[in-house]
C-alpha atoms as a PDB file:
ATOM      1  CA  MET A   1      20.465  -4.884  -4.201  1.00  0.00           C
ATOM      2  CA  GLY A   2      21.250  -7.439  -6.854  1.00  0.00           C
ATOM      3  CA  PRO A   3      23.095 -10.735  -6.656  1.00  0.00           C
ATOM      4  CA  GLY A   4      26.291  -9.049  -7.875  1.00  0.00           C
ATOM      5  CA  ALA A   5      26.393  -6.824  -4.791  1.00  0.00           C
ATOM      6  CA  ILE A   6      25.883  -9.826  -2.534  1.00  0.00           C
ATOM      7  CA  VAL A   7      28.739 -11.706  -4.220  1.00  0.00           C
ATOM      8  CA  ALA A   8      30.979  -8.631  -3.846  1.00  0.00           C
ATOM      9  CA  ALA A   9      30.122  -8.410  -0.131  1.00  0.00           C
ATOM     10  CA  ALA A  10      30.826 -12.120   0.293  1.00  0.00           C
ATOM     11  CA  ASP A  11      34.187 -11.804  -1.482  1.00  0.00           C
ATOM     12  CA  TYR A  12      35.068  -8.874   0.783  1.00  0.00           C
ATOM     13  CA  ALA A  13      34.078 -10.750   3.961  1.00  0.00           C
ATOM     14  CA  TRP A  14      36.122 -13.825   2.982  1.00  0.00           C
ATOM     15  CA  SER A  15      39.207 -11.855   1.915  1.00  0.00           C
ATOM     16  CA  PHE A  16      40.492 -11.240   5.450  1.00  0.00           C
ATOM     17  CA  PRO A  17      43.496 -13.396   6.424  1.00  0.00           C
ATOM     18  CA  VAL A  18      42.774 -16.015   9.080  1.00  0.00           C
ATOM     19  CA  SER A  19      45.163 -17.087  11.827  1.00  0.00           C
ATOM     20  CA  ASN A  20      44.818 -20.309  13.810  1.00  0.00           C
ATOM     21  CA  VAL A  21      43.792 -18.573  17.070  1.00  0.00           C
ATOM     22  CA  TRP A  22      41.174 -16.299  15.497  1.00  0.00           C
ATOM     23  CA  SER A  23      39.833 -18.615  12.832  1.00  0.00           C
ATOM     24  CA  GLY A  24      36.671 -19.603  14.763  1.00  0.00           C
ATOM     25  CA  ARG A  25      35.869 -16.054  15.837  1.00  0.00           C
ATOM     26  CA  LEU A  26      36.498 -14.610  12.398  1.00  0.00           C
ATOM     27  CA  MET A  27      34.296 -17.275  10.850  1.00  0.00           C
ATOM     28  CA  LEU A  28      31.429 -16.126  13.120  1.00  0.00           C
ATOM     29  CA  ILE A  29      32.075 -12.472  12.299  1.00  0.00           C
ATOM     30  CA  ARG A  30      32.114 -13.280   8.584  1.00  0.00           C
ATOM     31  CA  MET A  31      28.840 -15.173   8.881  1.00  0.00           C
ATOM     32  CA  LYS A  32      27.258 -12.257  10.763  1.00  0.00           C
ATOM     33  CA  LEU A  33      28.383  -9.921   7.995  1.00  0.00           C
ATOM     34  CA  LEU A  34      26.964 -12.171   5.299  1.00  0.00           C
ATOM     35  CA  LEU A  35      23.656 -13.069   6.943  1.00  0.00           C
ATOM     36  CA  PRO A  36      21.792  -9.837   6.047  1.00  0.00           C
ATOM     37  CA  PHE A  37      22.899 -10.159   2.421  1.00  0.00           C
ATOM     38  CA  ILE A  38      21.861 -13.795   2.237  1.00  0.00           C
ATOM     39  CA  LEU A  39      18.459 -13.008   3.751  1.00  0.00           C
ATOM     40  CA  LEU A  40      17.988 -10.135   1.339  1.00  0.00           C
ATOM     41  CA  LEU A  41      18.756 -12.428  -1.578  1.00  0.00           C
ATOM     42  CA  LEU A  42      16.419 -15.176  -0.363  1.00  0.00           C
ATOM     43  CA  LEU A  43      13.534 -12.989   0.811  1.00  0.00           C
ATOM     44  CA  GLY A  44      13.966 -10.012  -1.477  1.00  0.00           C
ATOM     45  CA  SER A  45      11.278 -10.807  -4.001  1.00  0.00           C
ATOM     46  CA  SER A  46       8.554 -11.588  -1.479  1.00  0.00           C
ATOM     47  CA  LEU A  47       9.462  -9.254   1.361  1.00  0.00           C
ATOM     48  CA  PHE A  48      10.667  -6.215  -0.567  1.00  0.00           C
ATOM     49  CA  GLY A  49       8.598  -6.520  -3.744  1.00  0.00           C
ATOM     50  CA  GLN A  50       6.364  -3.644  -2.696  1.00  0.00           C
ATOM     51  CA  THR A  51       6.891  -0.219  -1.234  1.00  0.00           C
ATOM     52  CA  TYR A  52       5.898   0.993   2.196  1.00  0.00           C
ATOM     53  CA  GLY A  53       3.159   3.091   0.604  1.00  0.00           C
ATOM     54  CA  GLN A  54       1.750   0.123  -1.273  1.00  0.00           C
ATOM     55  CA  ARG A  55       1.650  -1.976   1.898  1.00  0.00           C
ATOM     56  CA  ILE A  56      -0.109   0.777   3.855  1.00  0.00           C
ATOM     57  CA  VAL A  57      -2.615   1.489   1.076  1.00  0.00           C
ATOM     58  CA  ALA A  58      -3.341  -2.242   0.774  1.00  0.00           C
ATOM     59  CA  ALA A  59      -4.101  -2.437   4.497  1.00  0.00           C
ATOM     60  CA  VAL A  60      -6.436   0.566   4.210  1.00  0.00           C
ATOM     61  CA  LEU A  61      -8.176  -1.107   1.259  1.00  0.00           C
ATOM     62  CA  VAL A  62      -8.786  -4.229   3.346  1.00  0.00           C
ATOM     63  CA  ALA A  63     -10.028  -2.134   6.276  1.00  0.00           C
ATOM     64  CA  GLU A  64     -12.325   0.008   4.126  1.00  0.00           C
ATOM     65  CA  ALA A  65     -13.677  -2.482   1.595  1.00  0.00           C
ATOM     66  CA  GLY A  66     -12.272  -5.943   2.233  1.00  0.00           C
ATOM     67  CA  ILE A  67     -15.795  -7.250   2.776  1.00  0.00           C
ATOM     68  CA  ASP A  68     -16.644  -6.205  -0.809  1.00  0.00           C
ATOM     69  CA  GLY A  69     -13.784  -8.232  -2.282  1.00  0.00           C
ATOM     70  CA  VAL A  70     -11.664  -7.226  -5.238  1.00  0.00           C
ATOM     71  CA  LEU A  71     -14.281  -4.956  -6.827  1.00  0.00           C
ATOM     72  CA  GLY A  72     -14.866  -2.932  -3.678  1.00  0.00           C
ATOM     73  CA  MET A  73     -11.172  -2.612  -2.856  1.00  0.00           C
ATOM     74  CA  THR A  74     -10.419  -1.613  -6.453  1.00  0.00           C
ATOM     75  CA  ALA A  75     -13.059   1.124  -6.382  1.00  0.00           C
ATOM     76  CA  VAL A  76     -11.630   2.514  -3.121  1.00  0.00           C
ATOM     77  CA  ALA A  77      -8.103   2.378  -4.585  1.00  0.00           C
ATOM     78  CA  GLU A  78      -9.371   4.382  -7.565  1.00  0.00           C
ATOM     79  CA  VAL A  79     -10.703   7.053  -5.193  1.00  0.00           C
ATOM     80  CA  ILE A  80      -7.365   7.250  -3.380  1.00  0.00           C
ATOM     81  CA  ARG A  81      -5.535   7.473  -6.729  1.00  0.00           C
ATOM     82  CA  SER A  82      -7.936  10.179  -7.980  1.00  0.00           C
ATOM     83  CA  ARG A  83      -7.382  12.234  -4.836  1.00  0.00           C
ATOM     84  CA  ALA A  84      -3.618  11.886  -5.138  1.00  0.00           C
ATOM     85  CA  ASP A  85      -3.675  12.903  -8.804  1.00  0.00           C
ATOM     86  CA  LYS A  86      -5.923  15.922  -8.201  1.00  0.00           C
ATOM     87  CA  ARG A  87      -3.875  17.142  -5.234  1.00  0.00           C
ATOM     88  CA  GLY A  88      -0.456  16.324  -6.675  1.00  0.00           C
ATOM     89  CA  THR A  89       0.392  13.996  -3.781  1.00  0.00           C
ATOM     90  CA  THR A  90       0.936  10.272  -3.335  1.00  0.00           C
ATOM     91  CA  MET A  91      -1.580   7.619  -2.406  1.00  0.00           C
ATOM     92  CA  LEU A  92       0.237   7.209   0.908  1.00  0.00           C
ATOM     93  CA  ALA A  93      -0.127  10.932   1.632  1.00  0.00           C
ATOM     94  CA  GLU A  94      -3.855  10.658   0.935  1.00  0.00           C
ATOM     95  CA  VAL A  95      -4.444   7.799   3.364  1.00  0.00           C
ATOM     96  CA  GLN A  96      -2.354   9.661   5.944  1.00  0.00           C
ATOM     97  CA  ARG A  97      -4.387  12.862   5.489  1.00  0.00           C
ATOM     98  CA  SER A  98      -6.082  13.684   8.778  1.00  0.00           C
ATOM     99  CA  GLY A  99      -9.683  12.565   9.190  1.00  0.00           C
ATOM    100  CA  GLN A 100     -10.105  11.018   5.730  1.00  0.00           C
ATOM    101  CA  PHE A 101     -10.250   7.275   6.328  1.00  0.00           C
ATOM    102  CA  THR A 102     -12.277   5.847   9.198  1.00  0.00           C
ATOM    103  CA  PRO A 103      -9.927   2.934  10.058  1.00  0.00           C
ATOM    104  CA  VAL A 104      -6.959   5.327  10.286  1.00  0.00           C
ATOM    105  CA  VAL A 105      -8.957   7.688  12.496  1.00  0.00           C
ATOM    106  CA  GLU A 106     -10.234   4.873  14.714  1.00  0.00           C
ATOM    107  CA  LEU A 107      -6.905   3.051  15.072  1.00  0.00           C
ATOM    108  CA  GLY A 108      -4.820   6.216  15.313  1.00  0.00           C
ATOM    109  CA  SER A 109      -2.268   5.716  12.528  1.00  0.00           C
ATOM    110  CA  VAL A 110      -1.660   4.031   9.192  1.00  0.00           C
ATOM    111  CA  GLU A 111       0.878   1.768  10.893  1.00  0.00           C
ATOM    112  CA  ALA A 112      -1.814   0.541  13.292  1.00  0.00           C
ATOM    113  CA  VAL A 113      -4.097  -0.171  10.330  1.00  0.00           C
ATOM    114  CA  TYR A 114      -1.288  -2.130   8.667  1.00  0.00           C
ATOM    115  CA  LYS A 115      -0.556  -4.136  11.835  1.00  0.00           C
ATOM    116  CA  LYS A 116      -4.221  -5.045  12.174  1.00  0.00           C
ATOM    117  CA  PHE A 117      -5.062  -5.885   8.556  1.00  0.00           C
ATOM    118  CA  TYR A 118      -1.946  -7.243   6.823  1.00  0.00           C
ATOM    119  CA  ARG A 119      -2.734 -10.789   7.945  1.00  0.00           C
ATOM    120  CA  TYR A 120      -6.296 -10.781   6.623  1.00  0.00           C
ATOM    121  CA  PRO A 121      -6.922 -13.137   3.690  1.00  0.00           C
ATOM    122  CA  GLN A 122      -7.902 -10.217   1.434  1.00  0.00           C
ATOM    123  CA  TYR A 123      -4.534  -8.514   1.954  1.00  0.00           C
ATOM    124  CA  SER A 124      -2.716 -10.258  -0.926  1.00  0.00           C
ATOM    125  CA  ALA A 125      -5.424  -9.168  -3.388  1.00  0.00           C
ATOM    126  CA  ALA A 126      -5.383  -5.662  -1.897  1.00  0.00           C
ATOM    127  CA  LEU A 127      -1.607  -5.525  -2.342  1.00  0.00           C
ATOM    128  CA  LYS A 128      -1.944  -6.370  -6.037  1.00  0.00           C
ATOM    129  CA  ILE A 129      -4.557  -3.640  -6.400  1.00  0.00           C
ATOM    130  CA  ALA A 130      -2.336  -1.130  -4.562  1.00  0.00           C
ATOM    131  CA  ARG A 131       0.637  -2.009  -6.798  1.00  0.00           C
ATOM    132  CA  THR A 132      -1.487  -1.480  -9.895  1.00  0.00           C
ATOM    133  CA  ALA A 133      -2.851   1.813  -8.564  1.00  0.00           C
ATOM    134  CA  TYR A 134       0.682   3.007  -7.799  1.00  0.00           C
ATOM    135  CA  ASN A 135       2.550   1.721 -10.844  1.00  0.00           C
ATOM    136  CA  THR A 136       0.030   1.460 -13.696  1.00  0.00           C
ATOM    137  CA  PRO A 137      -3.136   3.348 -12.715  1.00  0.00           C
ATOM    138  CA  LYS A 138      -4.383   3.332 -16.312  1.00  0.00           C
ATOM    139  CA  LYS A 139      -4.964  -0.418 -15.895  1.00  0.00           C
ATOM    140  CA  LEU A 140      -7.584   0.212 -13.188  1.00  0.00           C
ATOM    141  CA  PRO A 141     -11.072  -0.557 -14.547  1.00  0.00           C
ATOM    142  CA  GLY A 142     -12.734   2.755 -13.621  1.00  0.00           C
ATOM    143  CA  LEU A 143     -15.322   1.311 -11.245  1.00  0.00           C
ATOM    144  CA  ALA A 144     -15.458   4.531  -9.196  1.00  0.00           C
ATOM    145  CA  LYS A 145     -15.872   6.649 -12.358  1.00  0.00           C
ATOM    146  CA  GLY A 146     -13.412   9.319 -11.234  1.00  0.00           C
ATOM    147  CA  ALA A 147     -14.946   9.755  -7.777  1.00  0.00           C
ATOM    148  CA  THR A 148     -12.936  11.403  -5.043  1.00  0.00           C
ATOM    149  CA  TYR A 149     -15.409  10.724  -2.230  1.00  0.00           C
ATOM    150  CA  TYR A 150     -17.222   7.620  -1.018  1.00  0.00           C
ATOM    151  CA  HIS A 151     -19.061   6.269   1.992  1.00  0.00           C
ATOM    152  CA  GLU A 152     -20.743   3.095   3.181  1.00  0.00           C
ATOM    153  CA  TYR A 153     -24.347   2.754   2.104  1.00  0.00           C
ATOM    154  CA  GLN A 154     -25.812   2.754   5.623  1.00  0.00           C
ATOM    155  CA  ILE A 155     -24.187   6.080   6.546  1.00  0.00           C
ATOM    156  CA  ARG A 156     -25.312   9.492   5.278  1.00  0.00           C
ATOM    157  CA  PRO A 157     -22.418  11.892   5.898  1.00  0.00           C
ATOM    158  CA  TYR A 158     -22.929  15.653   6.034  1.00  0.00           C
ATOM    159  CA  TRP A 159     -20.542  16.290   3.137  1.00  0.00           C
ATOM    160  CA  ILE A 160     -22.673  14.611   0.436  1.00  0.00           C
ATOM    161  CA  LYS A 161     -25.186  17.475   0.373  1.00  0.00           C
ATOM    162  CA  GLY A 162     -25.247  18.792  -3.175  1.00  0.00           C
ATOM    163  CA  MET A 163     -23.087  15.975  -4.581  1.00  0.00           C
ATOM    164  CA  SER A 164     -24.238  13.605  -7.282  1.00  0.00           C
ATOM    165  CA  LEU A 165     -23.820   9.876  -6.974  1.00  0.00           C
ATOM    166  CA  VAL A 166     -21.575   8.606  -9.801  1.00  0.00           C
ATOM    167  CA  ALA A 167     -21.197   4.922  -8.852  1.00  0.00           C
ATOM    168  CA  ASP A 168     -22.064   2.297  -6.294  1.00  0.00           C
ATOM    169  CA  VAL A 169     -19.845  -0.707  -5.764  1.00  0.00           C
ATOM    170  CA  GLY A 170     -20.450  -3.251  -3.051  1.00  0.00           C
ATOM    171  CA  ARG A 171     -21.392  -1.503   0.159  1.00  0.00           C
ATOM    172  CA  HIS A 172     -20.174   1.947  -0.946  1.00  0.00           C
ATOM    173  CA  TYR A 173     -21.535   4.962  -2.827  1.00  0.00           C
ATOM    174  CA  PHE A 174     -19.091   7.095  -4.827  1.00  0.00           C
ATOM    175  CA  TYR A 175     -19.222  10.840  -5.552  1.00  0.00           C
ATOM    176  CA  ASP A 176     -17.319  13.307  -7.721  1.00  0.00           C
ATOM    177  CA  PRO A 177     -17.979  16.890  -6.615  1.00  0.00           C
ATOM    178  CA  ALA A 178     -16.149  18.346  -9.646  1.00  0.00           C
ATOM    179  CA  ARG A 179     -18.636  16.680 -11.983  1.00  0.00           C
ATOM    180  CA  ASN A 180     -21.560  18.028  -9.960  1.00  0.00           C
ATOM    181  CA  GLN A 181     -20.147  21.583 -10.069  1.00  0.00           C
ATOM    182  CA  LYS A 182     -19.878  21.364 -13.880  1.00  0.00           C
ATOM    183  CA  ARG A 183     -23.565  20.444 -14.117  1.00  0.00           C
ATOM    184  CA  THR A 184     -24.820  23.235 -11.860  1.00  0.00           C
ATOM    185  CA  GLY A 185     -22.268  25.890 -12.680  1.00  0.00           C
END
């Protein structure tokens, strides 16, 4: 909603005739009508500058790789983007996919992950990374080298059997099973 819409709403709210008896009450009603528009104008750029999906993905990035800083969170964002591209879904759909991201599994929902991690200091950097991954993925540096799977270095999950390591960033190892199938097939 742009400033023009807010001005139009304000003009509409102030266009009602006012009588002496109702003037105080109508003033309050008018202010209540205008308050959401004023807040939207004042907070719009900071509060609504990102989508729900970007906010959720940013929280998952902090939960998964916040300890690794910008490089680690960027590599994880690249994996989420690669999965979304290969499956024809969104990044939000990928982080919501059942059993895929440990913090979502452990906390029970993406909303719970957001509530826990949006106040962490790494969140603002993660949000910038999520915006880039959503809006201009070609600007991502390619740290994960097209990987669609990753895990922390101290864990050896069952699903890596037969996969080739394509990158390691921070505390994570990254794998691309499609690349491994091309080599052996």
